[in-house]
Amino acid sequence: MRRTHWSSGDWLPVLSASGKREPAHRAFPKQAEDWDIDRIISDYADAAQRMKAAGLDGIELQAYCHIIDQFWSDVTNEREDAYGGCFENRMRFSDRLLRAVRDKVDDEFIVGIRQTADEQYKRGGIDVEEGMKISRHLRDSGLIDFMNVVRGRCDTDPAMVNVIPVTGMKSAPHLDFAGRVKKEIDMPVFHAACIPDVSTARYAVESGQLDMVGMTRAHMADPYIVQKIIDGREEEIRPCVGATYCLDRIYLGQAALCTHNASTGRELYMPHRVSPA
């Protein structure tokens, strides 16, 4: 996919739906050819099969700033073949991919998709109407068990900050939008975008806007959030303040560390739990 970095992979050609460069990563992608598409779909299906064999209960596919939604969006898909143009063609890649994944795992294995339901471009791209249409299409396919809703995109640094808010920005800015998707699509919905504390997460579920809350950076700050809730020790949870030191580092090809938790990223020699002397 075009969203990649110099510090990852084996310097293989970057692929996308079309040859449009991403400003954030600056890679020039090659437009995926038919054999590329076949290989990518096969690789996804094989990976799902490995996850099931490893004992996992399910997987989540990424369709947010990555190759799946790059086929969906007319901003990144300028193809004139069977994978471009009309809505049905732009959905063809993900339809084939999801079908291939399902064919490798049984119906008891959970398959979800993290998707952008509104890219928030001023012109073109996946808008709310198109996002809802995609969501209904995925639901009606019967190939997924849940959606993890994203609003926005991350092809530029300013756009990414809107998706992953930093210190001083509004908490849970897209929660109401995710709740709207849940109401209109009527299937299990997850969401993760600056939901840093248990109180906000609890409200999101109790208000019926979400079925499950994703707290990514919060768990980097404190991986024992759930255990502390179970133990009745919420006041001991180390908070995420949105410094985003974690993301800043990985964009420089470095390990993700945390300003609030020195053990994050250093677990091999600095464990999260320290026995008293």
C-alpha atoms as a PDB file:
ATOM      1  CA  MET A   1       0.000   0.000   0.000  1.00  0.00           C
ATOM      2  CA  ARG A   2       1.106   3.602  -0.470  1.00  0.00           C
ATOM      3  CA  ARG A   3       1.001   4.297   3.265  1.00  0.00           C
ATOM      4  CA  THR A   4       4.369   2.954   4.278  1.00  0.00           C
ATOM      5  CA  HIS A   5       7.696   4.155   5.575  1.00  0.00           C
ATOM      6  CA  TRP A   6      11.367   3.863   4.720  1.00  0.00           C
ATOM      7  CA  SER A   7      12.031   1.974   7.968  1.00  0.00           C
ATOM      8  CA  SER A   8       9.647  -0.926   7.291  1.00  0.00           C
ATOM      9  CA  GLY A   9       9.516  -3.933   5.017  1.00  0.00           C
ATOM     10  CA  ASP A  10      12.096  -5.157   2.535  1.00  0.00           C
ATOM     11  CA  TRP A  11      11.933  -2.247   0.113  1.00  0.00           C
ATOM     12  CA  LEU A  12       9.365  -4.004  -2.046  1.00  0.00           C
ATOM     13  CA  PRO A  13       7.366  -1.868  -4.501  1.00  0.00           C
ATOM     14  CA  VAL A  14       4.654   0.167  -2.805  1.00  0.00           C
ATOM     15  CA  LEU A  15       1.200  -0.708  -4.121  1.00  0.00           C
ATOM     16  CA  SER A  16      -2.138   1.089  -4.155  1.00  0.00           C
ATOM     17  CA  ALA A  17      -5.350   1.240  -6.124  1.00  0.00           C
ATOM     18  CA  SER A  18      -3.753   3.960  -8.260  1.00  0.00           C
ATOM     19  CA  GLY A  19      -0.400   5.683  -8.518  1.00  0.00           C
ATOM     20  CA  LYS A  20      -1.230   8.698  -6.350  1.00  0.00           C
ATOM     21  CA  ARG A  21       1.402   9.674  -3.798  1.00  0.00           C
ATOM     22  CA  GLU A  22       0.498  10.057  -0.134  1.00  0.00           C
ATOM     23  CA  PRO A  23       1.734  13.386   1.285  1.00  0.00           C
ATOM     24  CA  ALA A  24       2.458  12.013   4.766  1.00  0.00           C
ATOM     25  CA  HIS A  25       4.667   9.092   3.716  1.00  0.00           C
ATOM     26  CA  ARG A  26       5.712  10.408   0.293  1.00  0.00           C
ATOM     27  CA  ALA A  27       5.866   6.998  -1.316  1.00  0.00           C
ATOM     28  CA  PHE A  28       5.141   6.738  -5.034  1.00  0.00           C
ATOM     29  CA  PRO A  29       2.930   3.645  -5.364  1.00  0.00           C
ATOM     30  CA  LYS A  30       2.559   1.375  -8.321  1.00  0.00           C
ATOM     31  CA  GLN A  31      -1.024   0.776  -9.420  1.00  0.00           C
ATOM     32  CA  ALA A  32      -1.823  -2.780  -8.365  1.00  0.00           C
ATOM     33  CA  GLU A  33      -2.139  -5.092 -11.356  1.00  0.00           C
ATOM     34  CA  ASP A  34      -4.404  -8.131 -11.528  1.00  0.00           C
ATOM     35  CA  TRP A  35      -1.726 -10.515 -10.244  1.00  0.00           C
ATOM     36  CA  ASP A  36      -0.889  -8.099  -7.425  1.00  0.00           C
ATOM     37  CA  ILE A  37      -4.538  -8.035  -6.390  1.00  0.00           C
ATOM     38  CA  ASP A  38      -4.770 -11.838  -6.475  1.00  0.00           C
ATOM     39  CA  ARG A  39      -1.617 -12.174  -4.368  1.00  0.00           C
ATOM     40  CA  ILE A  40      -2.727  -9.590  -1.804  1.00  0.00           C
ATOM     41  CA  ILE A  41      -6.133 -11.224  -1.380  1.00  0.00           C
ATOM     42  CA  SER A  42      -4.491 -14.646  -0.990  1.00  0.00           C
ATOM     43  CA  ASP A  43      -2.059 -13.248   1.590  1.00  0.00           C
ATOM     44  CA  TYR A  44      -4.908 -11.745   3.632  1.00  0.00           C
ATOM     45  CA  ALA A  45      -6.785 -15.060   3.607  1.00  0.00           C
ATOM     46  CA  ASP A  46      -3.689 -17.042   4.577  1.00  0.00           C
ATOM     47  CA  ALA A  47      -2.986 -14.618   7.432  1.00  0.00           C
ATOM     48  CA  ALA A  48      -6.533 -15.042   8.738  1.00  0.00           C
ATOM     49  CA  GLN A  49      -6.112 -18.813   8.633  1.00  0.00           C
ATOM     50  CA  ARG A  50      -2.863 -18.512  10.635  1.00  0.00           C
ATOM     51  CA  MET A  51      -4.592 -16.351  13.231  1.00  0.00           C
ATOM     52  CA  LYS A  52      -7.311 -18.937  13.679  1.00  0.00           C
ATOM     53  CA  ALA A  53      -4.765 -21.749  13.905  1.00  0.00           C
ATOM     54  CA  ALA A  54      -2.883 -19.759  16.554  1.00  0.00           C
ATOM     55  CA  GLY A  55      -5.994 -19.780  18.751  1.00  0.00           C
ATOM     56  CA  LEU A  56      -7.304 -16.268  18.257  1.00  0.00           C
ATOM     57  CA  ASP A  57     -11.051 -15.676  18.419  1.00  0.00           C
ATOM     58  CA  GLY A  58     -11.078 -13.226  15.541  1.00  0.00           C
ATOM     59  CA  ILE A  59      -9.367 -10.522  13.511  1.00  0.00           C
ATOM     60  CA  GLU A  60      -9.940  -6.937  12.453  1.00  0.00           C
ATOM     61  CA  LEU A  61      -9.118  -5.830   8.915  1.00  0.00           C
ATOM     62  CA  GLN A  62      -7.822  -2.321   8.362  1.00  0.00           C
ATOM     63  CA  ALA A  63      -9.796  -0.236   5.849  1.00  0.00           C
ATOM     64  CA  TYR A  64      -8.727   3.174   7.024  1.00  0.00           C
ATOM     65  CA  CYS A  65      -5.926   4.934   5.146  1.00  0.00           C
ATOM     66  CA  HIS A  66      -4.771   1.563   3.844  1.00  0.00           C
ATOM     67  CA  ILE A  67      -5.180  -0.474   0.694  1.00  0.00           C
ATOM     68  CA  ILE A  68      -8.785  -1.629   1.173  1.00  0.00           C
ATOM     69  CA  ASP A  69     -10.285   1.845   1.451  1.00  0.00           C
ATOM     70  CA  GLN A  70      -7.840   3.141  -1.157  1.00  0.00           C
ATOM     71  CA  PHE A  71      -9.932   1.083  -3.574  1.00  0.00           C
ATOM     72  CA  TRP A  72     -13.159   2.517  -2.103  1.00  0.00           C
ATOM     73  CA  SER A  73     -12.298   6.211  -2.344  1.00  0.00           C
ATOM     74  CA  ASP A  74     -12.323   8.078  -5.645  1.00  0.00           C
ATOM     75  CA  VAL A  75      -9.514  10.253  -4.277  1.00  0.00           C
ATOM     76  CA  THR A  76      -7.127   7.290  -4.342  1.00  0.00           C
ATOM     77  CA  ASN A  77      -8.828   5.127  -6.970  1.00  0.00           C
ATOM     78  CA  GLU A  78      -8.568   6.437 -10.527  1.00  0.00           C
ATOM     79  CA  ARG A  79      -8.762   3.035 -12.178  1.00  0.00           C
ATOM     80  CA  GLU A  80     -10.732   2.405 -15.343  1.00  0.00           C
ATOM     81  CA  ASP A  81     -10.958  -1.370 -15.050  1.00  0.00           C
ATOM     82  CA  ALA A  82     -13.201  -3.696 -13.034  1.00  0.00           C
ATOM     83  CA  TYR A  83     -11.863  -2.237  -9.759  1.00  0.00           C
ATOM     84  CA  GLY A  84     -12.538   1.428 -10.459  1.00  0.00           C
ATOM     85  CA  GLY A  85     -15.259   3.862 -11.406  1.00  0.00           C
ATOM     86  CA  CYS A  86     -18.717   2.907 -10.138  1.00  0.00           C
ATOM     87  CA  PHE A  87     -19.496   1.932  -6.547  1.00  0.00           C
ATOM     88  CA  GLU A  88     -19.769  -1.775  -7.310  1.00  0.00           C
ATOM     89  CA  ASN A  89     -16.356  -1.802  -8.989  1.00  0.00           C
ATOM     90  CA  ARG A  90     -14.682   0.102  -6.157  1.00  0.00           C
ATOM     91  CA  MET A  91     -16.096  -2.429  -3.667  1.00  0.00           C
ATOM     92  CA  ARG A  92     -14.951  -5.418  -5.726  1.00  0.00           C
ATOM     93  CA  PHE A  93     -11.502  -5.688  -4.105  1.00  0.00           C
ATOM     94  CA  SER A  94     -12.849  -5.775  -0.530  1.00  0.00           C
ATOM     95  CA  ASP A  95     -15.714  -8.080  -1.552  1.00  0.00           C
ATOM     96  CA  ARG A  96     -13.235 -10.600  -2.933  1.00  0.00           C
ATOM     97  CA  LEU A  97     -10.903 -10.176   0.018  1.00  0.00           C
ATOM     98  CA  LEU A  98     -13.603 -10.700   2.657  1.00  0.00           C
ATOM     99  CA  ARG A  99     -14.955 -13.712   0.788  1.00  0.00           C
ATOM    100  CA  ALA A 100     -11.470 -15.230   0.626  1.00  0.00           C
ATOM    101  CA  VAL A 101     -10.957 -14.651   4.350  1.00  0.00           C
ATOM    102  CA  ARG A 102     -14.296 -16.248   5.221  1.00  0.00           C
ATOM    103  CA  ASP A 103     -13.501 -19.249   3.051  1.00  0.00           C
ATOM    104  CA  LYS A 104     -10.386 -19.895   5.173  1.00  0.00           C
ATOM    105  CA  VAL A 105     -12.105 -19.552   8.582  1.00  0.00           C
ATOM    106  CA  ASP A 106     -15.432 -20.849   9.896  1.00  0.00           C
ATOM    107  CA  ASP A 107     -18.452 -18.735  10.802  1.00  0.00           C
ATOM    108  CA  GLU A 108     -17.557 -18.921  14.506  1.00  0.00           C
ATOM    109  CA  PHE A 109     -14.362 -16.970  13.853  1.00  0.00           C
ATOM    110  CA  ILE A 110     -14.956 -13.235  14.332  1.00  0.00           C
ATOM    111  CA  VAL A 111     -14.119 -10.992  11.382  1.00  0.00           C
ATOM    112  CA  GLY A 112     -14.437  -7.237  11.737  1.00  0.00           C
ATOM    113  CA  ILE A 113     -13.316  -4.260   9.734  1.00  0.00           C
ATOM    114  CA  ARG A 114     -11.975  -0.892  10.847  1.00  0.00           C
ATOM    115  CA  GLN A 115     -13.272   1.524   8.266  1.00  0.00           C
ATOM    116  CA  THR A 116     -13.478   5.196   7.551  1.00  0.00           C
ATOM    117  CA  ALA A 117     -17.113   6.194   7.156  1.00  0.00           C
ATOM    118  CA  ASP A 118     -16.274   9.807   6.299  1.00  0.00           C
ATOM    119  CA  GLU A 119     -12.874  10.899   4.979  1.00  0.00           C
ATOM    120  CA  GLN A 120     -13.806  14.572   5.475  1.00  0.00           C
ATOM    121  CA  TYR A 121     -12.357  15.807   2.219  1.00  0.00           C
ATOM    122  CA  LYS A 122     -13.680  19.158   1.036  1.00  0.00           C
ATOM    123  CA  ARG A 123     -14.228  17.611  -2.383  1.00  0.00           C
ATOM    124  CA  GLY A 124     -14.581  13.964  -3.353  1.00  0.00           C
ATOM    125  CA  GLY A 125     -13.597  10.958  -1.330  1.00  0.00           C
ATOM    126  CA  ILE A 126     -15.813   9.009   1.034  1.00  0.00           C
ATOM    127  CA  ASP A 127     -18.353  11.438   2.460  1.00  0.00           C
ATOM    128  CA  VAL A 128     -21.033  10.585   5.022  1.00  0.00           C
ATOM    129  CA  GLU A 129     -23.515   9.417   2.383  1.00  0.00           C
ATOM    130  CA  GLU A 130     -20.929   7.214   0.680  1.00  0.00           C
ATOM    131  CA  GLY A 131     -19.666   5.967   4.043  1.00  0.00           C
ATOM    132  CA  MET A 132     -23.135   4.849   5.059  1.00  0.00           C
ATOM    133  CA  LYS A 133     -23.569   3.160   1.676  1.00  0.00           C
ATOM    134  CA  ILE A 134     -20.311   1.265   2.175  1.00  0.00           C
ATOM    135  CA  SER A 135     -21.357   0.313   5.705  1.00  0.00           C
ATOM    136  CA  ARG A 136     -24.695  -1.054   4.510  1.00  0.00           C
ATOM    137  CA  HIS A 137     -22.933  -2.956   1.731  1.00  0.00           C
ATOM    138  CA  LEU A 138     -20.560  -4.574   4.217  1.00  0.00           C
ATOM    139  CA  ARG A 139     -23.387  -5.409   6.612  1.00  0.00           C
ATOM    140  CA  ASP A 140     -25.538  -6.921   3.893  1.00  0.00           C
ATOM    141  CA  SER A 141     -22.646  -9.042   2.609  1.00  0.00           C
ATOM    142  CA  GLY A 142     -22.876 -11.145   5.775  1.00  0.00           C
ATOM    143  CA  LEU A 143     -19.087 -11.462   5.780  1.00  0.00           C
ATOM    144  CA  ILE A 144     -18.293  -9.303   8.820  1.00  0.00           C
ATOM    145  CA  ASP A 145     -19.350  -9.404  12.462  1.00  0.00           C
ATOM    146  CA  PHE A 146     -18.573  -5.838  13.526  1.00  0.00           C
ATOM    147  CA  MET A 147     -17.433  -2.428  12.303  1.00  0.00           C
ATOM    148  CA  ASN A 148     -14.832  -0.231  13.935  1.00  0.00           C
ATOM    149  CA  VAL A 149     -15.859   3.237  12.772  1.00  0.00           C
ATOM    150  CA  VAL A 150     -13.346   5.960  11.924  1.00  0.00           C
ATOM    151  CA  ARG A 151     -14.072   9.521  10.861  1.00  0.00           C
ATOM    152  CA  GLY A 152     -11.345  11.287   8.931  1.00  0.00           C
ATOM    153  CA  ARG A 153      -8.148  10.259   7.212  1.00  0.00           C
ATOM    154  CA  CYS A 154      -4.413  10.280   7.842  1.00  0.00           C
ATOM    155  CA  ASP A 155      -2.783  11.088   4.513  1.00  0.00           C
ATOM    156  CA  THR A 156      -1.454  14.380   5.905  1.00  0.00           C
ATOM    157  CA  ASP A 157      -0.256  15.333   9.379  1.00  0.00           C
ATOM    158  CA  PRO A 158      -3.086  17.871  10.005  1.00  0.00           C
ATOM    159  CA  ALA A 159      -5.673  15.293   8.908  1.00  0.00           C
ATOM    160  CA  MET A 160      -4.200  12.650  11.202  1.00  0.00           C
ATOM    161  CA  VAL A 161      -4.391  14.968  14.216  1.00  0.00           C
ATOM    162  CA  ASN A 162      -8.124  15.243  13.582  1.00  0.00           C
ATOM    163  CA  VAL A 163      -8.408  11.435  13.738  1.00  0.00           C
ATOM    164  CA  ILE A 164      -5.959  11.017  16.631  1.00  0.00           C
ATOM    165  CA  PRO A 165      -6.376  14.187  18.732  1.00  0.00           C
ATOM    166  CA  VAL A 166      -3.461  15.360  20.838  1.00  0.00           C
ATOM    167  CA  THR A 167      -3.134  17.192  24.168  1.00  0.00           C
ATOM    168  CA  GLY A 168      -5.558  20.075  24.526  1.00  0.00           C
ATOM    169  CA  MET A 169      -7.975  18.871  21.851  1.00  0.00           C
ATOM    170  CA  LYS A 170     -11.531  17.710  22.413  1.00  0.00           C
ATOM    171  CA  SER A 171     -12.017  14.275  23.956  1.00  0.00           C
ATOM    172  CA  ALA A 172     -13.958  11.696  21.922  1.00  0.00           C
ATOM    173  CA  PRO A 173     -14.651  14.132  19.043  1.00  0.00           C
ATOM    174  CA  HIS A 174     -16.182  11.513  16.726  1.00  0.00           C
ATOM    175  CA  LEU A 175     -18.197   9.522  19.259  1.00  0.00           C
ATOM    176  CA  ASP A 176     -21.550  10.955  18.173  1.00  0.00           C
ATOM    177  CA  PHE A 177     -20.742  10.146  14.551  1.00  0.00           C
ATOM    178  CA  ALA A 178     -19.898   6.553  15.436  1.00  0.00           C
ATOM    179  CA  GLY A 179     -23.189   6.371  17.319  1.00  0.00           C
ATOM    180  CA  ARG A 180     -24.983   7.588  14.222  1.00  0.00           C
ATOM    181  CA  VAL A 181     -23.423   4.792  12.164  1.00  0.00           C
ATOM    182  CA  LYS A 182     -24.492   2.237  14.771  1.00  0.00           C
ATOM    183  CA  LYS A 183     -28.055   3.559  14.743  1.00  0.00           C
ATOM    184  CA  GLU A 184     -28.359   3.566  10.945  1.00  0.00           C
ATOM    185  CA  ILE A 185     -26.482   0.336  10.206  1.00  0.00           C
ATOM    186  CA  ASP A 186     -27.735  -1.640  13.230  1.00  0.00           C
ATOM    187  CA  MET A 187     -24.829  -3.968  13.861  1.00  0.00           C
ATOM    188  CA  PRO A 188     -22.055  -4.141  16.498  1.00  0.00           C
ATOM    189  CA  VAL A 189     -19.917  -0.990  16.316  1.00  0.00           C
ATOM    190  CA  PHE A 190     -16.554  -0.236  17.895  1.00  0.00           C
ATOM    191  CA  HIS A 191     -14.794   3.119  17.926  1.00  0.00           C
ATOM    192  CA  ALA A 192     -11.425   4.495  18.990  1.00  0.00           C
ATOM    193  CA  ALA A 193     -10.467   8.172  18.777  1.00  0.00           C
ATOM    194  CA  CYS A 194      -9.223   9.926  21.903  1.00  0.00           C
ATOM    195  CA  ILE A 195     -11.370   8.064  24.417  1.00  0.00           C
ATOM    196  CA  PRO A 196      -8.693   8.284  27.110  1.00  0.00           C
ATOM    197  CA  ASP A 197     -10.533   7.547  30.340  1.00  0.00           C
ATOM    198  CA  VAL A 198     -12.913   4.976  31.795  1.00  0.00           C
ATOM    199  CA  SER A 199     -15.686   7.502  32.445  1.00  0.00           C
ATOM    200  CA  THR A 200     -15.903   8.475  28.767  1.00  0.00           C
ATOM    201  CA  ALA A 201     -15.708   4.835  27.692  1.00  0.00           C
ATOM    202  CA  ARG A 202     -18.462   3.881  30.131  1.00  0.00           C
ATOM    203  CA  TYR A 203     -20.685   6.684  28.849  1.00  0.00           C
ATOM    204  CA  ALA A 204     -20.099   5.628  25.224  1.00  0.00           C
ATOM    205  CA  VAL A 205     -21.383   2.113  25.926  1.00  0.00           C
ATOM    206  CA  GLU A 206     -24.134   2.963  28.407  1.00  0.00           C
ATOM    207  CA  SER A 207     -25.569   5.613  26.078  1.00  0.00           C
ATOM    208  CA  GLY A 208     -25.886   2.985  23.341  1.00  0.00           C
ATOM    209  CA  GLN A 209     -23.545   4.718  20.928  1.00  0.00           C
ATOM    210  CA  LEU A 210     -20.991   1.911  20.935  1.00  0.00           C
ATOM    211  CA  ASP A 211     -20.797  -1.789  21.706  1.00  0.00           C
ATOM    212  CA  MET A 212     -17.080  -1.682  22.484  1.00  0.00           C
ATOM    213  CA  VAL A 213     -14.570   1.102  23.040  1.00  0.00           C
ATOM    214  CA  GLY A 214     -11.033   1.093  21.695  1.00  0.00           C
ATOM    215  CA  MET A 215      -8.467   2.761  23.973  1.00  0.00           C
ATOM    216  CA  THR A 216      -5.169   2.395  22.154  1.00  0.00           C
ATOM    217  CA  ARG A 217      -2.901   5.093  23.558  1.00  0.00           C
ATOM    218  CA  ALA A 218      -4.596   4.728  26.938  1.00  0.00           C
ATOM    219  CA  HIS A 219      -3.443   1.113  27.122  1.00  0.00           C
ATOM    220  CA  MET A 220       0.070   2.138  26.160  1.00  0.00           C
ATOM    221  CA  ALA A 221       0.023   4.453  29.165  1.00  0.00           C
ATOM    222  CA  ASP A 222      -1.451   1.742  31.389  1.00  0.00           C
ATOM    223  CA  PRO A 223      -1.858  -1.827  30.071  1.00  0.00           C
ATOM    224  CA  TYR A 224      -3.716  -2.825  33.252  1.00  0.00           C
ATOM    225  CA  ILE A 225      -6.767  -0.615  32.757  1.00  0.00           C
ATOM    226  CA  VAL A 226      -9.213  -3.525  32.618  1.00  0.00           C
ATOM    227  CA  GLN A 227      -7.637  -5.316  35.570  1.00  0.00           C
ATOM    228  CA  LYS A 228      -7.799  -2.176  37.670  1.00  0.00           C
ATOM    229  CA  ILE A 229     -11.478  -1.731  36.790  1.00  0.00           C
ATOM    230  CA  ILE A 230     -12.179  -5.328  37.831  1.00  0.00           C
ATOM    231  CA  ASP A 231     -10.266  -4.801  41.089  1.00  0.00           C
ATOM    232  CA  GLY A 232     -12.113  -1.553  41.861  1.00  0.00           C
ATOM    233  CA  ARG A 233      -8.921   0.501  41.520  1.00  0.00           C
ATOM    234  CA  GLU A 234      -9.929   2.965  38.795  1.00  0.00           C
ATOM    235  CA  GLU A 235      -8.281   5.831  40.675  1.00  0.00           C
ATOM    236  CA  GLU A 236      -4.920   4.093  40.153  1.00  0.00           C
ATOM    237  CA  ILE A 237      -5.153   4.051  36.361  1.00  0.00           C
ATOM    238  CA  ARG A 238      -2.272   5.969  34.807  1.00  0.00           C
ATOM    239  CA  PRO A 239      -3.897   8.428  32.371  1.00  0.00           C
ATOM    240  CA  CYS A 240      -3.034   9.051  28.760  1.00  0.00           C
ATOM    241  CA  VAL A 241      -2.625  12.798  28.232  1.00  0.00           C
ATOM    242  CA  GLY A 242      -2.470  12.654  24.447  1.00  0.00           C
ATOM    243  CA  ALA A 243       1.176  13.712  24.220  1.00  0.00           C
ATOM    244  CA  THR A 244       1.435  11.299  21.279  1.00  0.00           C
ATOM    245  CA  TYR A 245       5.137  10.720  21.875  1.00  0.00           C
ATOM    246  CA  CYS A 246       4.341   7.132  20.845  1.00  0.00           C
ATOM    247  CA  LEU A 247       3.231   8.085  17.328  1.00  0.00           C
ATOM    248  CA  ASP A 248       5.835  10.795  16.917  1.00  0.00           C
ATOM    249  CA  ARG A 249       8.565   8.212  17.449  1.00  0.00           C
ATOM    250  CA  ILE A 250       7.277   5.568  15.063  1.00  0.00           C
ATOM    251  CA  TYR A 251       7.059   8.173  12.295  1.00  0.00           C
ATOM    252  CA  LEU A 252      10.803   8.626  12.790  1.00  0.00           C
ATOM    253  CA  GLY A 253      11.401   4.882  12.532  1.00  0.00           C
ATOM    254  CA  GLN A 254      11.853   4.484  16.282  1.00  0.00           C
ATOM    255  CA  ALA A 255      10.154   2.377  18.957  1.00  0.00           C
ATOM    256  CA  ALA A 256       6.847   3.614  20.398  1.00  0.00           C
ATOM    257  CA  LEU A 257       7.516   4.934  23.893  1.00  0.00           C
ATOM    258  CA  CYS A 258       5.244   6.752  26.349  1.00  0.00           C
ATOM    259  CA  THR A 259       5.769   9.961  28.322  1.00  0.00           C
ATOM    260  CA  HIS A 260       3.689   8.579  31.200  1.00  0.00           C
ATOM    261  CA  ASN A 261       4.942   5.005  31.298  1.00  0.00           C
ATOM    262  CA  ALA A 262       8.681   4.358  31.123  1.00  0.00           C
ATOM    263  CA  SER A 263       8.105   0.592  30.697  1.00  0.00           C
ATOM    264  CA  THR A 264       6.165   0.900  27.432  1.00  0.00           C
ATOM    265  CA  GLY A 265       8.459  -0.255  24.640  1.00  0.00           C
ATOM    266  CA  ARG A 266      11.115  -1.320  27.141  1.00  0.00           C
ATOM    267  CA  GLU A 267       9.408  -4.402  28.579  1.00  0.00           C
ATOM    268  CA  LEU A 268      12.387  -6.714  27.989  1.00  0.00           C
ATOM    269  CA  TYR A 269      14.439  -4.904  30.623  1.00  0.00           C
ATOM    270  CA  MET A 270      11.919  -2.674  32.413  1.00  0.00           C
ATOM    271  CA  PRO A 271       8.789  -4.704  33.294  1.00  0.00           C
ATOM    272  CA  HIS A 272       5.477  -3.002  34.012  1.00  0.00           C
ATOM    273  CA  ARG A 273       5.190  -4.862  37.308  1.00  0.00           C
ATOM    274  CA  VAL A 274       8.102  -4.507  39.678  1.00  0.00           C
ATOM    275  CA  SER A 275       8.382  -6.839  42.681  1.00  0.00           C
ATOM    276  CA  PRO A 276       9.160  -5.096  45.985  1.00  0.00           C
ATOM    277  CA  ALA A 277      12.743  -5.554  47.112  1.00  0.00           C
END
